[in-house]
Amino acid sequence: MKKEDFTQLSTDELIKKKKTVSVVTGTLAGMQIALLGLGIWITMHQGFTALVVIPVALLPILIMNFNMIADIKKELAARNLK
């Protein structure tokens, strides 16, 4: 995946992007935790299902989003903003 160049974005765009990516990442993390818990519960009661594998398969997306947030924070820090 192509890495986005945050130096080309305005400060307002960076703040908006950080807020959006943070909300999406938090929602995805919450849903993955819920899906993992549900998969474990179903596995204990009915046997193994593919629901246990899905949160693990979606983990790289979550990691990429966390890295994007860190990159945006670095760019904002370089511009002396929080």
PDB file of N, CA and C in Angstrom:
ATOM      1  N   MET A   1       0.838  -1.175   0.000  1.00  0.00           N
ATOM      2  CA  MET A   1       0.000   0.000   0.000  1.00  0.00           C
ATOM      3  C   MET A   1       0.885   1.240   0.000  1.00  0.00           C
ATOM      4  N   LYS A   2       0.482   2.227  -0.791  1.00  0.00           N
ATOM      5  CA  LYS A   2       1.255   3.461  -0.909  1.00  0.00           C
ATOM      6  C   LYS A   2       1.155   4.285   0.374  1.00  0.00           C
ATOM      7  N   LYS A   3       2.284   4.751   0.844  1.00  0.00           N
ATOM      8  CA  LYS A   3       2.310   5.563   2.062  1.00  0.00           C
ATOM      9  C   LYS A   3       1.929   7.001   1.700  1.00  0.00           C
ATOM     10  N   GLU A   4       1.002   7.560   2.475  1.00  0.00           N
ATOM     11  CA  GLU A   4       0.517   8.901   2.198  1.00  0.00           C
ATOM     12  C   GLU A   4       1.516   9.942   2.684  1.00  0.00           C
ATOM     13  N   ASP A   5       1.677  11.007   1.898  1.00  0.00           N
ATOM     14  CA  ASP A   5       2.590  12.085   2.254  1.00  0.00           C
ATOM     15  C   ASP A   5       1.800  13.162   2.991  1.00  0.00           C
ATOM     16  N   PHE A   6       1.955  13.203   4.318  1.00  0.00           N
ATOM     17  CA  PHE A   6       1.183  14.125   5.134  1.00  0.00           C
ATOM     18  C   PHE A   6       1.722  15.552   5.078  1.00  0.00           C
ATOM     19  N   THR A   7       2.924  15.729   4.535  1.00  0.00           N
ATOM     20  CA  THR A   7       3.478  17.077   4.448  1.00  0.00           C
ATOM     21  C   THR A   7       2.719  17.921   3.430  1.00  0.00           C
ATOM     22  N   GLN A   8       2.004  17.281   2.510  1.00  0.00           N
ATOM     23  CA  GLN A   8       1.259  18.002   1.481  1.00  0.00           C
ATOM     24  C   GLN A   8      -0.107  18.483   1.969  1.00  0.00           C
ATOM     25  N   LEU A   9      -0.553  17.987   3.121  1.00  0.00           N
ATOM     26  CA  LEU A   9      -1.870  18.345   3.635  1.00  0.00           C
ATOM     27  C   LEU A   9      -1.781  19.567   4.537  1.00  0.00           C
ATOM     28  N   SER A  10      -2.857  20.319   4.570  1.00  0.00           N
ATOM     29  CA  SER A  10      -2.901  21.462   5.477  1.00  0.00           C
ATOM     30  C   SER A  10      -3.083  20.967   6.905  1.00  0.00           C
ATOM     31  N   THR A  11      -2.860  21.862   7.856  1.00  0.00           N
ATOM     32  CA  THR A  11      -2.991  21.496   9.263  1.00  0.00           C
ATOM     33  C   THR A  11      -4.419  21.088   9.590  1.00  0.00           C
ATOM     34  N   ASP A  12      -5.397  21.825   9.059  1.00  0.00           N
ATOM     35  CA  ASP A  12      -6.798  21.480   9.307  1.00  0.00           C
ATOM     36  C   ASP A  12      -7.144  20.111   8.739  1.00  0.00           C
ATOM     37  N   GLU A  13      -6.621  19.810   7.558  1.00  0.00           N
ATOM     38  CA  GLU A  13      -6.870  18.496   6.961  1.00  0.00           C
ATOM     39  C   GLU A  13      -6.238  17.390   7.803  1.00  0.00           C
ATOM     40  N   LEU A  14      -5.049  17.642   8.335  1.00  0.00           N
ATOM     41  CA  LEU A  14      -4.384  16.649   9.184  1.00  0.00           C
ATOM     42  C   LEU A  14      -5.177  16.384  10.460  1.00  0.00           C
ATOM     43  N   ILE A  15      -5.661  17.445  11.082  1.00  0.00           N
ATOM     44  CA  ILE A  15      -6.441  17.282  12.314  1.00  0.00           C
ATOM     45  C   ILE A  15      -7.724  16.516  12.033  1.00  0.00           C
ATOM     46  N   LYS A  16      -8.384  16.842  10.921  1.00  0.00           N
ATOM     47  CA  LYS A  16      -9.624  16.150  10.550  1.00  0.00           C
ATOM     48  C   LYS A  16      -9.348  14.674  10.245  1.00  0.00           C
ATOM     49  N   LYS A  17      -8.261  14.416   9.518  1.00  0.00           N
ATOM     50  CA  LYS A  17      -7.905  13.031   9.172  1.00  0.00           C
ATOM     51  C   LYS A  17      -7.558  12.233  10.421  1.00  0.00           C
ATOM     52  N   LYS A  18      -6.841  12.862  11.361  1.00  0.00           N
ATOM     53  CA  LYS A  18      -6.479  12.176  12.607  1.00  0.00           C
ATOM     54  C   LYS A  18      -7.732  11.800  13.393  1.00  0.00           C
ATOM     55  N   LYS A  19      -8.657  12.731  13.475  1.00  0.00           N
ATOM     56  CA  LYS A  19      -9.891  12.475  14.212  1.00  0.00           C
ATOM     57  C   LYS A  19     -10.693  11.347  13.556  1.00  0.00           C
ATOM     58  N   THR A  20     -10.798  11.381  12.236  1.00  0.00           N
ATOM     59  CA  THR A  20     -11.551  10.357  11.512  1.00  0.00           C
ATOM     60  C   THR A  20     -10.911   8.979  11.658  1.00  0.00           C
ATOM     61  N   VAL A  21      -9.602   8.924  11.453  1.00  0.00           N
ATOM     62  CA  VAL A  21      -8.903   7.635  11.544  1.00  0.00           C
ATOM     63  C   VAL A  21      -8.951   7.106  12.976  1.00  0.00           C
ATOM     64  N   SER A  22      -8.891   7.982  13.961  1.00  0.00           N
ATOM     65  CA  SER A  22      -8.956   7.543  15.359  1.00  0.00           C
ATOM     66  C   SER A  22     -10.313   6.922  15.682  1.00  0.00           C
ATOM     67  N   VAL A  23     -11.382   7.548  15.205  1.00  0.00           N
ATOM     68  CA  VAL A  23     -12.725   7.004  15.451  1.00  0.00           C
ATOM     69  C   VAL A  23     -12.896   5.665  14.742  1.00  0.00           C
ATOM     70  N   VAL A  24     -12.463   5.593  13.497  1.00  0.00           N
ATOM     71  CA  VAL A  24     -12.586   4.341  12.738  1.00  0.00           C
ATOM     72  C   VAL A  24     -11.762   3.235  13.381  1.00  0.00           C
ATOM     73  N   THR A  25     -10.551   3.561  13.818  1.00  0.00           N
ATOM     74  CA  THR A  25      -9.676   2.575  14.436  1.00  0.00           C
ATOM     75  C   THR A  25     -10.249   2.089  15.763  1.00  0.00           C
ATOM     76  N   GLY A  26     -10.771   2.997  16.555  1.00  0.00           N
ATOM     77  CA  GLY A  26     -11.386   2.609  17.821  1.00  0.00           C
ATOM     78  C   GLY A  26     -12.592   1.719  17.625  1.00  0.00           C
ATOM     79  N   THR A  27     -13.410   2.053  16.635  1.00  0.00           N
ATOM     80  CA  THR A  27     -14.583   1.232  16.323  1.00  0.00           C
ATOM     81  C   THR A  27     -14.160  -0.156  15.846  1.00  0.00           C
ATOM     82  N   LEU A  28     -13.182  -0.196  14.955  1.00  0.00           N
ATOM     83  CA  LEU A  28     -12.703  -1.484  14.453  1.00  0.00           C
ATOM     84  C   LEU A  28     -12.119  -2.331  15.576  1.00  0.00           C
ATOM     85  N   ALA A  29     -11.344  -1.714  16.456  1.00  0.00           N
ATOM     86  CA  ALA A  29     -10.755  -2.457  17.581  1.00  0.00           C
ATOM     87  C   ALA A  29     -11.848  -2.995  18.500  1.00  0.00           C
ATOM     88  N   GLY A  30     -12.855  -2.180  18.788  1.00  0.00           N
ATOM     89  CA  GLY A  30     -13.963  -2.636  19.623  1.00  0.00           C
ATOM     90  C   GLY A  30     -14.724  -3.795  18.999  1.00  0.00           C
ATOM     91  N   MET A  31     -14.968  -3.689  17.699  1.00  0.00           N
ATOM     92  CA  MET A  31     -15.687  -4.757  17.010  1.00  0.00           C
ATOM     93  C   MET A  31     -14.849  -6.036  16.954  1.00  0.00           C
ATOM     94  N   GLN A  32     -13.537  -5.892  16.777  1.00  0.00           N
ATOM     95  CA  GLN A  32     -12.674  -7.077  16.760  1.00  0.00           C
ATOM     96  C   GLN A  32     -12.660  -7.761  18.121  1.00  0.00           C
ATOM     97  N   ILE A  33     -12.616  -6.994  19.184  1.00  0.00           N
ATOM     98  CA  ILE A  33     -12.643  -7.581  20.528  1.00  0.00           C
ATOM     99  C   ILE A  33     -13.966  -8.292  20.770  1.00  0.00           C
ATOM    100  N   ALA A  34     -15.061  -7.645  20.373  1.00  0.00           N
ATOM    101  CA  ALA A  34     -16.372  -8.260  20.545  1.00  0.00           C
ATOM    102  C   ALA A  34     -16.488  -9.543  19.714  1.00  0.00           C
ATOM    103  N   LEU A  35     -16.005  -9.500  18.481  1.00  0.00           N
ATOM    104  CA  LEU A  35     -16.068 -10.678  17.610  1.00  0.00           C
ATOM    105  C   LEU A  35     -15.183 -11.808  18.136  1.00  0.00           C
ATOM    106  N   LEU A  36     -14.030 -11.467  18.667  1.00  0.00           N
ATOM    107  CA  LEU A  36     -13.162 -12.493  19.245  1.00  0.00           C
ATOM    108  C   LEU A  36     -13.825 -13.131  20.463  1.00  0.00           C
ATOM    109  N   GLY A  37     -14.405 -12.295  21.328  1.00  0.00           N
ATOM    110  CA  GLY A  37     -15.106 -12.831  22.497  1.00  0.00           C
ATOM    111  C   GLY A  37     -16.267 -13.724  22.105  1.00  0.00           C
ATOM    112  N   LEU A  38     -17.036 -13.274  21.113  1.00  0.00           N
ATOM    113  CA  LEU A  38     -18.163 -14.077  20.633  1.00  0.00           C
ATOM    114  C   LEU A  38     -17.677 -15.391  20.014  1.00  0.00           C
ATOM    115  N   GLY A  39     -16.591 -15.312  19.247  1.00  0.00           N
ATOM    116  CA  GLY A  39     -16.041 -16.522  18.634  1.00  0.00           C
ATOM    117  C   GLY A  39     -15.558 -17.520  19.667  1.00  0.00           C
ATOM    118  N   ILE A  40     -14.918 -17.028  20.721  1.00  0.00           N
ATOM    119  CA  ILE A  40     -14.448 -17.917  21.784  1.00  0.00           C
ATOM    120  C   ILE A  40     -15.639 -18.541  22.515  1.00  0.00           C
ATOM    121  N   TRP A  41     -16.644 -17.729  22.787  1.00  0.00           N
ATOM    122  CA  TRP A  41     -17.838 -18.249  23.470  1.00  0.00           C
ATOM    123  C   TRP A  41     -18.530 -19.325  22.629  1.00  0.00           C
ATOM    124  N   ILE A  42     -18.691 -19.075  21.331  1.00  0.00           N
ATOM    125  CA  ILE A  42     -19.322 -20.061  20.451  1.00  0.00           C
ATOM    126  C   ILE A  42     -18.457 -21.312  20.352  1.00  0.00           C
ATOM    127  N   THR A  43     -17.140 -21.142  20.299  1.00  0.00           N
ATOM    128  CA  THR A  43     -16.236 -22.295  20.226  1.00  0.00           C
ATOM    129  C   THR A  43     -16.362 -23.162  21.471  1.00  0.00           C
ATOM    130  N   MET A  44     -16.497 -22.534  22.630  1.00  0.00           N
ATOM    131  CA  MET A  44     -16.626 -23.305  23.862  1.00  0.00           C
ATOM    132  C   MET A  44     -17.948 -24.072  23.905  1.00  0.00           C
ATOM    133  N   HIS A  45     -19.001 -23.536  23.300  1.00  0.00           N
ATOM    134  CA  HIS A  45     -20.309 -24.166  23.380  1.00  0.00           C
ATOM    135  C   HIS A  45     -20.653 -25.059  22.191  1.00  0.00           C
ATOM    136  N   GLN A  46     -20.150 -24.738  20.997  1.00  0.00           N
ATOM    137  CA  GLN A  46     -20.537 -25.507  19.818  1.00  0.00           C
ATOM    138  C   GLN A  46     -19.373 -26.080  19.036  1.00  0.00           C
ATOM    139  N   GLY A  47     -18.178 -25.785  19.412  1.00  0.00           N
ATOM    140  CA  GLY A  47     -17.012 -26.244  18.665  1.00  0.00           C
ATOM    141  C   GLY A  47     -16.426 -25.104  17.845  1.00  0.00           C
ATOM    142  N   PHE A  48     -15.322 -25.406  17.165  1.00  0.00           N
ATOM    143  CA  PHE A  48     -14.577 -24.381  16.430  1.00  0.00           C
ATOM    144  C   PHE A  48     -15.395 -23.803  15.280  1.00  0.00           C
ATOM    145  N   THR A  49     -15.322 -22.469  15.135  1.00  0.00           N
ATOM    146  CA  THR A  49     -15.932 -21.778  13.996  1.00  0.00           C
ATOM    147  C   THR A  49     -14.928 -20.797  13.415  1.00  0.00           C
ATOM    148  N   ALA A  50     -15.234 -20.311  12.234  1.00  0.00           N
ATOM    149  CA  ALA A  50     -14.349 -19.361  11.565  1.00  0.00           C
ATOM    150  C   ALA A  50     -14.392 -17.977  12.224  1.00  0.00           C
ATOM    151  N   LEU A  51     -15.322 -17.752  13.125  1.00  0.00           N
ATOM    152  CA  LEU A  51     -15.419 -16.454  13.790  1.00  0.00           C
ATOM    153  C   LEU A  51     -14.179 -16.124  14.608  1.00  0.00           C
ATOM    154  N   VAL A  52     -13.439 -17.134  15.024  1.00  0.00           N
ATOM    155  CA  VAL A  52     -12.231 -16.904  15.808  1.00  0.00           C
ATOM    156  C   VAL A  52     -11.106 -16.385  14.907  1.00  0.00           C
ATOM    157  N   VAL A  53     -11.118 -16.752  13.642  1.00  0.00           N
ATOM    158  CA  VAL A  53     -10.042 -16.390  12.721  1.00  0.00           C
ATOM    159  C   VAL A  53     -10.217 -14.968  12.180  1.00  0.00           C
ATOM    160  N   ILE A  54     -11.446 -14.500  12.044  1.00  0.00           N
ATOM    161  CA  ILE A  54     -11.706 -13.204  11.419  1.00  0.00           C
ATOM    162  C   ILE A  54     -11.023 -12.046  12.140  1.00  0.00           C
ATOM    163  N   PRO A  55     -11.100 -11.931  13.475  1.00  0.00           N
ATOM    164  CA  PRO A  55     -10.410 -10.808  14.125  1.00  0.00           C
ATOM    165  C   PRO A  55      -8.895 -10.840  13.917  1.00  0.00           C
ATOM    166  N   VAL A  56      -8.340 -12.022  13.855  1.00  0.00           N
ATOM    167  CA  VAL A  56      -6.890 -12.146  13.627  1.00  0.00           C
ATOM    168  C   VAL A  56      -6.555 -11.724  12.196  1.00  0.00           C
ATOM    169  N   ALA A  57      -7.437 -12.056  11.253  1.00  0.00           N
ATOM    170  CA  ALA A  57      -7.206 -11.688   9.859  1.00  0.00           C
ATOM    171  C   ALA A  57      -7.322 -10.176   9.647  1.00  0.00           C
ATOM    172  N   LEU A  58      -8.126  -9.507  10.451  1.00  0.00           N
ATOM    173  CA  LEU A  58      -8.308  -8.063  10.322  1.00  0.00           C
ATOM    174  C   LEU A  58      -7.277  -7.259  11.115  1.00  0.00           C
ATOM    175  N   LEU A  59      -6.430  -7.929  11.852  1.00  0.00           N
ATOM    176  CA  LEU A  59      -5.428  -7.261  12.671  1.00  0.00           C
ATOM    177  C   LEU A  59      -4.472  -6.371  11.869  1.00  0.00           C
ATOM    178  N   PRO A  60      -4.011  -6.760  10.669  1.00  0.00           N
ATOM    179  CA  PRO A  60      -3.115  -5.871   9.911  1.00  0.00           C
ATOM    180  C   PRO A  60      -3.745  -4.513   9.583  1.00  0.00           C
ATOM    181  N   ILE A  61      -5.044  -4.479   9.344  1.00  0.00           N
ATOM    182  CA  ILE A  61      -5.717  -3.205   9.077  1.00  0.00           C
ATOM    183  C   ILE A  61      -5.632  -2.316  10.314  1.00  0.00           C
ATOM    184  N   LEU A  62      -5.847  -2.896  11.473  1.00  0.00           N
ATOM    185  CA  LEU A  62      -5.779  -2.151  12.725  1.00  0.00           C
ATOM    186  C   LEU A  62      -4.367  -1.602  12.952  1.00  0.00           C
ATOM    187  N   ILE A  63      -3.368  -2.404  12.679  1.00  0.00           N
ATOM    188  CA  ILE A  63      -1.975  -1.977  12.845  1.00  0.00           C
ATOM    189  C   ILE A  63      -1.641  -0.842  11.879  1.00  0.00           C
ATOM    190  N   MET A  64      -2.106  -0.939  10.627  1.00  0.00           N
ATOM    191  CA  MET A  64      -1.866   0.127   9.657  1.00  0.00           C
ATOM    192  C   MET A  64      -2.517   1.434  10.107  1.00  0.00           C
ATOM    193  N   ASN A  65      -3.716   1.347  10.684  1.00  0.00           N
ATOM    194  CA  ASN A  65      -4.395   2.549  11.156  1.00  0.00           C
ATOM    195  C   ASN A  65      -3.642   3.176  12.333  1.00  0.00           C
ATOM    196  N   PHE A  66      -3.154   2.351  13.266  1.00  0.00           N
ATOM    197  CA  PHE A  66      -2.371   2.884  14.381  1.00  0.00           C
ATOM    198  C   PHE A  66      -1.093   3.561  13.879  1.00  0.00           C
ATOM    199  N   ASN A  67      -0.452   2.970  12.871  1.00  0.00           N
ATOM    200  CA  ASN A  67       0.746   3.576  12.297  1.00  0.00           C
ATOM    201  C   ASN A  67       0.422   4.901  11.613  1.00  0.00           C
ATOM    202  N   MET A  68      -0.729   4.974  10.946  1.00  0.00           N
ATOM    203  CA  MET A  68      -1.130   6.216  10.289  1.00  0.00           C
ATOM    204  C   MET A  68      -1.374   7.322  11.320  1.00  0.00           C
ATOM    205  N   ILE A  69      -2.005   6.969  12.428  1.00  0.00           N
ATOM    206  CA  ILE A  69      -2.237   7.949  13.495  1.00  0.00           C
ATOM    207  C   ILE A  69      -0.902   8.450  14.048  1.00  0.00           C
ATOM    208  N   ALA A  70       0.042   7.543  14.238  1.00  0.00           N
ATOM    209  CA  ALA A  70       1.368   7.935  14.738  1.00  0.00           C
ATOM    210  C   ALA A  70       2.074   8.862  13.750  1.00  0.00           C
ATOM    211  N   ASP A  71       1.960   8.579  12.454  1.00  0.00           N
ATOM    212  CA  ASP A  71       2.584   9.431  11.446  1.00  0.00           C
ATOM    213  C   ASP A  71       1.952  10.824  11.428  1.00  0.00           C
ATOM    214  N   ILE A  72       0.634  10.880  11.579  1.00  0.00           N
ATOM    215  CA  ILE A  72      -0.050  12.172  11.610  1.00  0.00           C
ATOM    216  C   ILE A  72       0.384  12.961  12.846  1.00  0.00           C
ATOM    217  N   LYS A  73       0.505  12.278  13.988  1.00  0.00           N
ATOM    218  CA  LYS A  73       0.949  12.953  15.213  1.00  0.00           C
ATOM    219  C   LYS A  73       2.369  13.504  15.040  1.00  0.00           C
ATOM    220  N   LYS A  74       3.238  12.738  14.381  1.00  0.00           N
ATOM    221  CA  LYS A  74       4.606  13.205  14.138  1.00  0.00           C
ATOM    222  C   LYS A  74       4.605  14.451  13.261  1.00  0.00           C
ATOM    223  N   GLU A  75       3.769  14.460  12.235  1.00  0.00           N
ATOM    224  CA  GLU A  75       3.703  15.613  11.344  1.00  0.00           C
ATOM    225  C   GLU A  75       3.153  16.836  12.076  1.00  0.00           C
ATOM    226  N   LEU A  76       2.137  16.622  12.901  1.00  0.00           N
ATOM    227  CA  LEU A  76       1.594  17.735  13.674  1.00  0.00           C
ATOM    228  C   LEU A  76       2.629  18.257  14.681  1.00  0.00           C
ATOM    229  N   ALA A  77       3.400  17.346  15.267  1.00  0.00           N
ATOM    230  CA  ALA A  77       4.453  17.760  16.209  1.00  0.00           C
ATOM    231  C   ALA A  77       5.532  18.547  15.489  1.00  0.00           C
ATOM    232  N   ALA A  78       5.832  18.148  14.252  1.00  0.00           N
ATOM    233  CA  ALA A  78       6.826  18.877  13.475  1.00  0.00           C
ATOM    234  C   ALA A  78       6.350  20.287  13.156  1.00  0.00           C
ATOM    235  N   ARG A  79       5.043  20.455  13.102  1.00  0.00           N
ATOM    236  CA  ARG A  79       4.463  21.785  12.861  1.00  0.00           C
ATOM    237  C   ARG A  79       4.165  22.503  14.186  1.00  0.00           C
ATOM    238  N   ASN A  80       4.607  21.923  15.280  1.00  0.00           N
ATOM    239  CA  ASN A  80       4.416  22.471  16.636  1.00  0.00           C
ATOM    240  C   ASN A  80       2.941  22.557  17.018  1.00  0.00           C
ATOM    241  N   LEU A  81       2.183  21.549  16.644  1.00  0.00           N
ATOM    242  CA  LEU A  81       0.765  21.452  17.017  1.00  0.00           C
ATOM    243  C   LEU A  81       0.528  20.120  17.708  1.00  0.00           C
ATOM    244  N   LYS A  82      -0.602  20.033  18.432  1.00  0.00           N
ATOM    245  CA  LYS A  82      -0.945  18.770  19.085  1.00  0.00           C
ATOM    246  C   LYS A  82      -2.022  18.065  18.342  1.00  0.00           C
TER     247      LYS A  82
END
